[in-house]
Amino acid sequence: MNPPINPPAARANSPLGWLLAAVAVGLALLASTLVFALDVQRTVLQDRQAQLVRAYSLREAESKRLAASTVTAESELDRLNQTYEDGKSDLTRVTEARSKREPLVEQSTSLQVKVESVIVDLVTLAKSDRDAQMIVTRYHIHQDASGLPVSDPAEKK
């Protein structure tokens, strides 16, 4: 861990100091929100992918059953082939969308790690610097059992 740095501009009593503290907390909340939102989107895409795989399996089973029927086999097979093609293109789009979101998840995770590092440095600095302690106290910042920084917005007045 880098030693805490306390430049004059980061003093809690200065407007820049308060701004930096607010930006740090805001970035931490934004990063957490982005990771959560992307995780929800990933879950939705995975569910849709599972549905498409099930649709594909159902199509295959139905196709075999229709082969025995001579009266409506042609029209049913055409309908199922269209469903299969639609499902296949949907699956391709879902896979592409998921792969496009993966860098965003990685970027969000990276940003969250950086913000957590800044907050951990602030909590560490707060042990020896009164101004840093004021920021930590003001924004209810502390470390949980795992050592990760957390802020309790419910405690704010």
N, C-alpha and C. Protein backbone atom coordinates (compact mmCIF):
# COMPACT_ATOMS: atom_id res chain seq x y z
N MET A 1 0.85 -1.17 0.00
CA MET A 1 0.00 0.00 0.00
C MET A 1 0.89 1.23 0.00
N ASN A 2 0.56 2.21 -0.78
CA ASN A 2 1.31 3.46 -0.84
C ASN A 2 1.11 4.23 0.45
N PRO A 3 2.13 4.96 0.89
CA PRO A 3 1.93 5.78 2.10
C PRO A 3 0.90 6.86 1.81
N PRO A 4 0.10 7.23 2.82
CA PRO A 4 -0.92 8.26 2.60
C PRO A 4 -0.26 9.59 2.24
N ILE A 5 -0.88 10.27 1.32
CA ILE A 5 -0.39 11.57 0.87
C ILE A 5 -1.40 12.61 1.35
N ASN A 6 -0.92 13.71 1.90
CA ASN A 6 -1.81 14.73 2.41
C ASN A 6 -1.41 16.09 1.82
N PRO A 7 -1.69 16.29 0.51
CA PRO A 7 -1.32 17.58 -0.07
C PRO A 7 -2.21 18.66 0.51
N PRO A 8 -1.72 19.89 0.52
CA PRO A 8 -2.51 20.98 1.11
C PRO A 8 -3.88 21.11 0.47
N ALA A 9 -4.01 20.83 -0.83
CA ALA A 9 -5.29 21.01 -1.50
C ALA A 9 -6.31 19.98 -1.04
N ALA A 10 -5.87 18.86 -0.44
CA ALA A 10 -6.79 17.82 -0.03
C ALA A 10 -7.24 17.98 1.41
N ARG A 11 -6.92 19.06 2.03
CA ARG A 11 -7.33 19.30 3.42
C ARG A 11 -8.86 19.39 3.46
N ALA A 12 -9.44 18.81 4.49
CA ALA A 12 -10.90 18.73 4.57
C ALA A 12 -11.54 20.09 4.74
N ASN A 13 -10.80 21.07 5.28
CA ASN A 13 -11.41 22.38 5.49
C ASN A 13 -11.45 23.23 4.22
N SER A 14 -10.76 22.78 3.20
CA SER A 14 -10.76 23.56 1.96
C SER A 14 -11.89 23.08 1.05
N PRO A 15 -12.40 23.94 0.20
CA PRO A 15 -13.47 23.52 -0.71
C PRO A 15 -13.01 22.36 -1.61
N LEU A 16 -11.75 22.39 -2.03
CA LEU A 16 -11.25 21.31 -2.88
C LEU A 16 -11.21 20.01 -2.11
N GLY A 17 -10.87 20.08 -0.85
CA GLY A 17 -10.83 18.87 -0.02
C GLY A 17 -12.21 18.25 0.11
N TRP A 18 -13.19 19.08 0.36
CA TRP A 18 -14.56 18.57 0.47
C TRP A 18 -15.03 18.02 -0.88
N LEU A 19 -14.65 18.71 -1.94
CA LEU A 19 -15.02 18.26 -3.27
C LEU A 19 -14.39 16.91 -3.58
N LEU A 20 -13.12 16.76 -3.25
CA LEU A 20 -12.45 15.48 -3.50
C LEU A 20 -13.10 14.36 -2.69
N ALA A 21 -13.46 14.64 -1.45
CA ALA A 21 -14.11 13.63 -0.63
C ALA A 21 -15.47 13.27 -1.21
N ALA A 22 -16.21 14.26 -1.64
CA ALA A 22 -17.53 14.00 -2.22
C ALA A 22 -17.39 13.23 -3.53
N VAL A 23 -16.41 13.57 -4.34
CA VAL A 23 -16.18 12.86 -5.60
C VAL A 23 -15.79 11.41 -5.33
N ALA A 24 -14.97 11.20 -4.33
CA ALA A 24 -14.55 9.83 -3.99
C ALA A 24 -15.74 8.99 -3.57
N VAL A 25 -16.57 9.53 -2.73
CA VAL A 25 -17.76 8.80 -2.29
C VAL A 25 -18.70 8.59 -3.47
N GLY A 26 -18.88 9.63 -4.28
CA GLY A 26 -19.75 9.51 -5.45
C GLY A 26 -19.25 8.47 -6.44
N LEU A 27 -17.95 8.45 -6.67
CA LEU A 27 -17.38 7.45 -7.58
C LEU A 27 -17.56 6.04 -7.04
N ALA A 28 -17.40 5.88 -5.73
CA ALA A 28 -17.60 4.56 -5.13
C ALA A 28 -19.04 4.11 -5.31
N LEU A 29 -19.97 5.00 -5.09
CA LEU A 29 -21.38 4.64 -5.26
C LEU A 29 -21.70 4.39 -6.74
N LEU A 30 -21.15 5.21 -7.62
CA LEU A 30 -21.38 5.02 -9.05
C LEU A 30 -20.81 3.69 -9.53
N ALA A 31 -19.62 3.38 -9.10
CA ALA A 31 -19.00 2.11 -9.51
C ALA A 31 -19.83 0.94 -9.01
N SER A 32 -20.28 0.99 -7.77
CA SER A 32 -21.11 -0.09 -7.23
C SER A 32 -22.41 -0.21 -8.02
N THR A 33 -23.00 0.92 -8.35
CA THR A 33 -24.25 0.91 -9.09
C THR A 33 -24.04 0.33 -10.49
N LEU A 34 -22.96 0.72 -11.14
CA LEU A 34 -22.67 0.20 -12.48
C LEU A 34 -22.44 -1.30 -12.46
N VAL A 35 -21.69 -1.78 -11.49
CA VAL A 35 -21.44 -3.22 -11.38
C VAL A 35 -22.75 -3.95 -11.15
N PHE A 36 -23.60 -3.40 -10.28
CA PHE A 36 -24.88 -4.03 -10.02
C PHE A 36 -25.74 -4.05 -11.28
N ALA A 37 -25.83 -2.91 -11.98
CA ALA A 37 -26.66 -2.83 -13.18
C ALA A 37 -26.16 -3.78 -14.27
N LEU A 38 -24.87 -3.85 -14.44
CA LEU A 38 -24.32 -4.74 -15.45
C LEU A 38 -24.51 -6.20 -15.06
N ASP A 39 -24.44 -6.49 -13.78
CA ASP A 39 -24.68 -7.85 -13.31
C ASP A 39 -26.14 -8.24 -13.57
N VAL A 40 -27.07 -7.32 -13.35
CA VAL A 40 -28.47 -7.59 -13.62
C VAL A 40 -28.68 -7.83 -15.11
N GLN A 41 -28.05 -7.00 -15.94
CA GLN A 41 -28.17 -7.18 -17.38
C GLN A 41 -27.59 -8.52 -17.82
N ARG A 42 -26.46 -8.88 -17.22
CA ARG A 42 -25.84 -10.16 -17.57
C ARG A 42 -26.77 -11.31 -17.19
N THR A 43 -27.41 -11.22 -16.02
CA THR A 43 -28.34 -12.26 -15.58
C THR A 43 -29.52 -12.36 -16.53
N VAL A 44 -30.05 -11.23 -16.95
CA VAL A 44 -31.18 -11.23 -17.89
C VAL A 44 -30.75 -11.87 -19.21
N LEU A 45 -29.57 -11.51 -19.68
CA LEU A 45 -29.08 -12.09 -20.94
C LEU A 45 -28.83 -13.59 -20.81
N GLN A 46 -28.34 -14.02 -19.67
CA GLN A 46 -28.12 -15.46 -19.46
C GLN A 46 -29.45 -16.20 -19.42
N ASP A 47 -30.47 -15.60 -18.79
CA ASP A 47 -31.79 -16.22 -18.76
C ASP A 47 -32.36 -16.33 -20.17
N ARG A 48 -32.21 -15.27 -20.94
CA ARG A 48 -32.71 -15.28 -22.32
C ARG A 48 -31.96 -16.33 -23.14
N GLN A 49 -30.67 -16.45 -22.92
CA GLN A 49 -29.88 -17.45 -23.62
C GLN A 49 -30.37 -18.86 -23.27
N ALA A 50 -30.67 -19.10 -21.98
CA ALA A 50 -31.17 -20.41 -21.56
C ALA A 50 -32.52 -20.69 -22.21
N GLN A 51 -33.37 -19.66 -22.30
CA GLN A 51 -34.67 -19.84 -22.95
C GLN A 51 -34.48 -20.21 -24.42
N LEU A 52 -33.55 -19.56 -25.06
CA LEU A 52 -33.31 -19.85 -26.48
C LEU A 52 -32.76 -21.26 -26.67
N VAL A 53 -31.92 -21.70 -25.75
CA VAL A 53 -31.39 -23.06 -25.84
C VAL A 53 -32.53 -24.06 -25.65
N ARG A 54 -33.43 -23.77 -24.68
CA ARG A 54 -34.59 -24.65 -24.48
C ARG A 54 -35.48 -24.64 -25.71
N ALA A 55 -35.68 -23.46 -26.31
CA ALA A 55 -36.50 -23.36 -27.53
C ALA A 55 -35.87 -24.18 -28.65
N TYR A 56 -34.56 -24.13 -28.73
CA TYR A 56 -33.86 -24.91 -29.75
C TYR A 56 -34.08 -26.41 -29.50
N SER A 57 -33.98 -26.84 -28.26
CA SER A 57 -34.18 -28.26 -27.92
C SER A 57 -35.61 -28.69 -28.24
N LEU A 58 -36.57 -27.83 -27.89
CA LEU A 58 -37.96 -28.15 -28.18
C LEU A 58 -38.20 -28.24 -29.69
N ARG A 59 -37.55 -27.37 -30.41
CA ARG A 59 -37.69 -27.39 -31.87
C ARG A 59 -37.18 -28.70 -32.44
N GLU A 60 -36.07 -29.16 -31.92
CA GLU A 60 -35.50 -30.42 -32.41
C GLU A 60 -36.44 -31.60 -32.12
N ALA A 61 -36.99 -31.64 -30.92
CA ALA A 61 -37.90 -32.74 -30.56
C ALA A 61 -39.17 -32.68 -31.40
N GLU A 62 -39.67 -31.49 -31.58
CA GLU A 62 -40.89 -31.33 -32.37
C GLU A 62 -40.65 -31.69 -33.83
N SER A 63 -39.49 -31.37 -34.31
CA SER A 63 -39.14 -31.69 -35.69
C SER A 63 -39.21 -33.20 -35.95
N LYS A 64 -38.70 -33.97 -35.01
CA LYS A 64 -38.71 -35.43 -35.17
C LYS A 64 -40.14 -35.98 -35.17
N ARG A 65 -40.98 -35.43 -34.31
CA ARG A 65 -42.36 -35.88 -34.23
C ARG A 65 -43.11 -35.55 -35.52
N LEU A 66 -42.84 -34.38 -36.09
CA LEU A 66 -43.55 -33.96 -37.30
C LEU A 66 -43.12 -34.76 -38.54
N ALA A 67 -41.93 -35.33 -38.46
CA ALA A 67 -41.48 -36.12 -39.61
C ALA A 67 -42.43 -37.29 -39.87
N ALA A 68 -43.08 -37.79 -38.83
CA ALA A 68 -44.01 -38.91 -38.98
C ALA A 68 -45.34 -38.47 -39.59
N SER A 69 -45.66 -37.23 -39.48
CA SER A 69 -46.94 -36.74 -39.99
C SER A 69 -46.76 -36.30 -41.44
N THR A 70 -47.61 -36.82 -42.33
CA THR A 70 -47.49 -36.47 -43.75
C THR A 70 -48.40 -35.34 -44.17
N VAL A 71 -49.48 -35.11 -43.46
CA VAL A 71 -50.47 -34.10 -43.87
C VAL A 71 -49.94 -32.68 -43.67
N THR A 72 -49.43 -32.37 -42.47
CA THR A 72 -49.01 -31.01 -42.18
C THR A 72 -47.51 -30.88 -41.99
N ALA A 73 -46.76 -31.88 -42.35
CA ALA A 73 -45.31 -31.88 -42.12
C ALA A 73 -44.62 -30.70 -42.80
N GLU A 74 -44.98 -30.41 -44.04
CA GLU A 74 -44.30 -29.33 -44.77
C GLU A 74 -44.51 -27.97 -44.09
N SER A 75 -45.76 -27.63 -43.82
CA SER A 75 -46.04 -26.31 -43.23
C SER A 75 -45.46 -26.20 -41.81
N GLU A 76 -45.57 -27.27 -41.03
CA GLU A 76 -45.04 -27.25 -39.66
C GLU A 76 -43.52 -27.14 -39.67
N LEU A 77 -42.88 -27.84 -40.56
CA LEU A 77 -41.42 -27.79 -40.64
C LEU A 77 -40.95 -26.40 -41.05
N ASP A 78 -41.66 -25.78 -41.99
CA ASP A 78 -41.31 -24.42 -42.37
C ASP A 78 -41.45 -23.46 -41.19
N ARG A 79 -42.52 -23.60 -40.44
CA ARG A 79 -42.74 -22.75 -39.27
C ARG A 79 -41.64 -22.96 -38.23
N LEU A 80 -41.32 -24.20 -37.98
CA LEU A 80 -40.28 -24.49 -36.99
C LEU A 80 -38.90 -24.02 -37.46
N ASN A 81 -38.63 -24.15 -38.74
CA ASN A 81 -37.36 -23.66 -39.25
C ASN A 81 -37.24 -22.14 -39.07
N GLN A 82 -38.34 -21.44 -39.30
CA GLN A 82 -38.32 -19.99 -39.09
C GLN A 82 -38.09 -19.67 -37.61
N THR A 83 -38.75 -20.41 -36.73
CA THR A 83 -38.54 -20.23 -35.29
C THR A 83 -37.10 -20.51 -34.91
N TYR A 84 -36.56 -21.56 -35.49
CA TYR A 84 -35.16 -21.91 -35.23
C TYR A 84 -34.21 -20.80 -35.69
N GLU A 85 -34.45 -20.30 -36.89
CA GLU A 85 -33.60 -19.22 -37.42
C GLU A 85 -33.72 -17.96 -36.56
N ASP A 86 -34.95 -17.64 -36.16
CA ASP A 86 -35.15 -16.48 -35.28
C ASP A 86 -34.41 -16.69 -33.96
N GLY A 87 -34.55 -17.88 -33.41
CA GLY A 87 -33.87 -18.20 -32.15
C GLY A 87 -32.36 -18.16 -32.30
N LYS A 88 -31.89 -18.67 -33.43
CA LYS A 88 -30.45 -18.67 -33.67
C LYS A 88 -29.93 -17.23 -33.79
N SER A 89 -30.67 -16.38 -34.51
CA SER A 89 -30.23 -14.98 -34.63
C SER A 89 -30.36 -14.26 -33.29
N ASP A 90 -31.42 -14.58 -32.52
CA ASP A 90 -31.54 -14.01 -31.17
C ASP A 90 -30.38 -14.44 -30.30
N LEU A 91 -30.02 -15.71 -30.37
CA LEU A 91 -28.90 -16.23 -29.58
C LEU A 91 -27.60 -15.53 -29.98
N THR A 92 -27.41 -15.30 -31.26
CA THR A 92 -26.22 -14.58 -31.74
C THR A 92 -26.20 -13.16 -31.20
N ARG A 93 -27.35 -12.48 -31.25
CA ARG A 93 -27.43 -11.11 -30.72
C ARG A 93 -27.18 -11.08 -29.21
N VAL A 94 -27.75 -12.05 -28.51
CA VAL A 94 -27.55 -12.11 -27.05
C VAL A 94 -26.07 -12.36 -26.74
N THR A 95 -25.46 -13.26 -27.47
CA THR A 95 -24.04 -13.55 -27.25
C THR A 95 -23.18 -12.33 -27.55
N GLU A 96 -23.49 -11.63 -28.64
CA GLU A 96 -22.75 -10.41 -28.97
C GLU A 96 -22.94 -9.33 -27.91
N ALA A 97 -24.18 -9.15 -27.46
CA ALA A 97 -24.45 -8.14 -26.43
C ALA A 97 -23.72 -8.48 -25.14
N ARG A 98 -23.71 -9.74 -24.80
CA ARG A 98 -23.01 -10.16 -23.58
C ARG A 98 -21.51 -9.90 -23.71
N SER A 99 -20.94 -10.21 -24.86
CA SER A 99 -19.50 -9.98 -25.03
C SER A 99 -19.17 -8.48 -25.05
N LYS A 100 -20.12 -7.66 -25.52
CA LYS A 100 -19.90 -6.21 -25.51
C LYS A 100 -19.98 -5.65 -24.09
N ARG A 101 -20.75 -6.30 -23.23
CA ARG A 101 -20.89 -5.81 -21.86
C ARG A 101 -19.75 -6.27 -20.95
N GLU A 102 -19.07 -7.33 -21.33
CA GLU A 102 -17.98 -7.83 -20.49
C GLU A 102 -16.89 -6.79 -20.26
N PRO A 103 -16.44 -6.03 -21.29
CA PRO A 103 -15.45 -4.99 -21.01
C PRO A 103 -15.98 -3.92 -20.05
N LEU A 104 -17.28 -3.63 -20.13
CA LEU A 104 -17.86 -2.65 -19.21
C LEU A 104 -17.84 -3.17 -17.77
N VAL A 105 -18.11 -4.44 -17.63
CA VAL A 105 -18.06 -5.04 -16.29
C VAL A 105 -16.63 -4.99 -15.76
N GLU A 106 -15.68 -5.32 -16.62
CA GLU A 106 -14.27 -5.28 -16.22
C GLU A 106 -13.86 -3.84 -15.88
N GLN A 107 -14.29 -2.89 -16.69
CA GLN A 107 -13.95 -1.49 -16.43
C GLN A 107 -14.57 -1.03 -15.12
N SER A 108 -15.81 -1.40 -14.88
CA SER A 108 -16.47 -1.02 -13.64
C SER A 108 -15.79 -1.64 -12.44
N THR A 109 -15.40 -2.90 -12.58
CA THR A 109 -14.70 -3.58 -11.48
C THR A 109 -13.36 -2.91 -11.23
N SER A 110 -12.66 -2.56 -12.28
CA SER A 110 -11.37 -1.87 -12.13
C SER A 110 -11.56 -0.52 -11.45
N LEU A 111 -12.58 0.21 -11.87
CA LEU A 111 -12.87 1.51 -11.26
C LEU A 111 -13.23 1.34 -9.79
N GLN A 112 -14.00 0.33 -9.49
CA GLN A 112 -14.39 0.10 -8.10
C GLN A 112 -13.16 -0.22 -7.25
N VAL A 113 -12.23 -1.02 -7.78
CA VAL A 113 -11.01 -1.34 -7.04
C VAL A 113 -10.20 -0.08 -6.78
N LYS A 114 -10.10 0.79 -7.78
CA LYS A 114 -9.34 2.04 -7.61
C LYS A 114 -9.99 2.94 -6.56
N VAL A 115 -11.31 3.06 -6.64
CA VAL A 115 -12.02 3.90 -5.69
C VAL A 115 -11.89 3.32 -4.29
N GLU A 116 -12.02 2.00 -4.17
CA GLU A 116 -11.85 1.37 -2.86
C GLU A 116 -10.46 1.63 -2.32
N SER A 117 -9.46 1.60 -3.18
CA SER A 117 -8.09 1.87 -2.75
C SER A 117 -7.96 3.29 -2.20
N VAL A 118 -8.58 4.24 -2.90
CA VAL A 118 -8.54 5.63 -2.44
C VAL A 118 -9.23 5.74 -1.08
N ILE A 119 -10.36 5.10 -0.93
CA ILE A 119 -11.10 5.17 0.33
C ILE A 119 -10.33 4.47 1.45
N VAL A 120 -9.70 3.34 1.15
CA VAL A 120 -8.88 2.66 2.16
C VAL A 120 -7.74 3.57 2.59
N ASP A 121 -7.12 4.24 1.63
CA ASP A 121 -6.05 5.19 1.97
C ASP A 121 -6.60 6.32 2.85
N LEU A 122 -7.80 6.79 2.55
CA LEU A 122 -8.41 7.84 3.34
C LEU A 122 -8.68 7.35 4.77
N VAL A 123 -9.19 6.13 4.90
CA VAL A 123 -9.46 5.57 6.24
C VAL A 123 -8.15 5.40 6.99
N THR A 124 -7.12 4.95 6.31
CA THR A 124 -5.80 4.80 6.95
C THR A 124 -5.25 6.16 7.36
N LEU A 125 -5.37 7.13 6.49
CA LEU A 125 -4.90 8.48 6.79
C LEU A 125 -5.68 9.08 7.96
N ALA A 126 -6.94 8.71 8.08
CA ALA A 126 -7.78 9.25 9.15
C ALA A 126 -7.27 8.86 10.53
N LYS A 127 -6.47 7.81 10.62
CA LYS A 127 -5.92 7.40 11.92
C LYS A 127 -4.90 8.41 12.44
N SER A 128 -4.28 9.16 11.52
CA SER A 128 -3.24 10.10 11.95
C SER A 128 -3.52 11.54 11.55
N ASP A 129 -4.53 11.78 10.76
CA ASP A 129 -4.80 13.13 10.28
C ASP A 129 -6.22 13.54 10.68
N ARG A 130 -6.32 14.63 11.36
CA ARG A 130 -7.60 15.10 11.87
C ARG A 130 -8.57 15.45 10.73
N ASP A 131 -8.05 16.08 9.70
CA ASP A 131 -8.91 16.46 8.58
C ASP A 131 -9.48 15.23 7.87
N ALA A 132 -8.64 14.23 7.67
CA ALA A 132 -9.11 12.99 7.06
C ALA A 132 -10.14 12.33 7.96
N GLN A 133 -9.91 12.37 9.25
CA GLN A 133 -10.86 11.80 10.21
C GLN A 133 -12.20 12.52 10.12
N MET A 134 -12.17 13.83 9.90
CA MET A 134 -13.41 14.59 9.77
C MET A 134 -14.19 14.13 8.53
N ILE A 135 -13.49 13.87 7.45
CA ILE A 135 -14.14 13.39 6.22
C ILE A 135 -14.76 12.02 6.47
N VAL A 136 -13.98 11.14 7.07
CA VAL A 136 -14.45 9.78 7.35
C VAL A 136 -15.67 9.82 8.26
N THR A 137 -15.63 10.66 9.26
CA THR A 137 -16.75 10.77 10.20
C THR A 137 -17.96 11.39 9.50
N ARG A 138 -17.73 12.44 8.74
CA ARG A 138 -18.82 13.15 8.09
C ARG A 138 -19.60 12.25 7.12
N TYR A 139 -18.89 11.39 6.40
CA TYR A 139 -19.52 10.54 5.39
C TYR A 139 -19.70 9.10 5.88
N HIS A 140 -19.48 8.87 7.17
CA HIS A 140 -19.70 7.55 7.78
C HIS A 140 -18.96 6.45 7.03
N ILE A 141 -17.71 6.70 6.73
CA ILE A 141 -16.89 5.74 6.00
C ILE A 141 -16.14 4.89 7.01
N HIS A 142 -16.15 3.58 6.80
CA HIS A 142 -15.38 2.66 7.65
C HIS A 142 -15.09 1.40 6.83
N GLN A 143 -14.31 0.53 7.41
CA GLN A 143 -13.97 -0.71 6.72
C GLN A 143 -14.78 -1.84 7.35
N ASP A 144 -15.29 -2.73 6.48
CA ASP A 144 -16.02 -3.87 7.02
C ASP A 144 -15.04 -4.96 7.44
N ALA A 145 -15.56 -6.11 7.84
CA ALA A 145 -14.71 -7.19 8.35
C ALA A 145 -13.68 -7.66 7.32
N SER A 146 -14.01 -7.54 6.04
CA SER A 146 -13.08 -7.98 5.00
C SER A 146 -12.04 -6.90 4.66
N GLY A 147 -12.16 -5.73 5.26
CA GLY A 147 -11.21 -4.65 4.99
C GLY A 147 -11.62 -3.74 3.86
N LEU A 148 -12.82 -3.96 3.30
CA LEU A 148 -13.29 -3.13 2.21
C LEU A 148 -13.98 -1.89 2.77
N PRO A 149 -13.84 -0.75 2.12
CA PRO A 149 -14.49 0.47 2.62
C PRO A 149 -15.99 0.42 2.37
N VAL A 150 -16.74 0.92 3.32
CA VAL A 150 -18.18 1.03 3.17
C VAL A 150 -18.62 2.37 3.73
N SER A 151 -19.75 2.84 3.24
CA SER A 151 -20.33 4.08 3.73
C SER A 151 -21.77 3.75 4.08
N ASP A 152 -22.22 4.22 5.22
CA ASP A 152 -23.59 3.96 5.65
C ASP A 152 -24.43 5.20 5.42
N PRO A 153 -25.04 5.33 4.23
CA PRO A 153 -25.83 6.53 3.93
C PRO A 153 -27.04 6.67 4.86
N ALA A 154 -27.53 5.57 5.41
CA ALA A 154 -28.69 5.65 6.31
C ALA A 154 -28.35 6.39 7.59
N GLU A 155 -27.08 6.41 7.97
CA GLU A 155 -26.66 7.08 9.18
C GLU A 155 -26.53 8.59 9.00
N LYS A 156 -26.49 9.06 7.76
CA LYS A 156 -26.32 10.49 7.49
C LYS A 156 -27.57 11.23 7.90
N LYS A 157 -27.39 12.45 8.39
CA LYS A 157 -28.54 13.26 8.82
C LYS A 157 -28.81 14.35 7.83
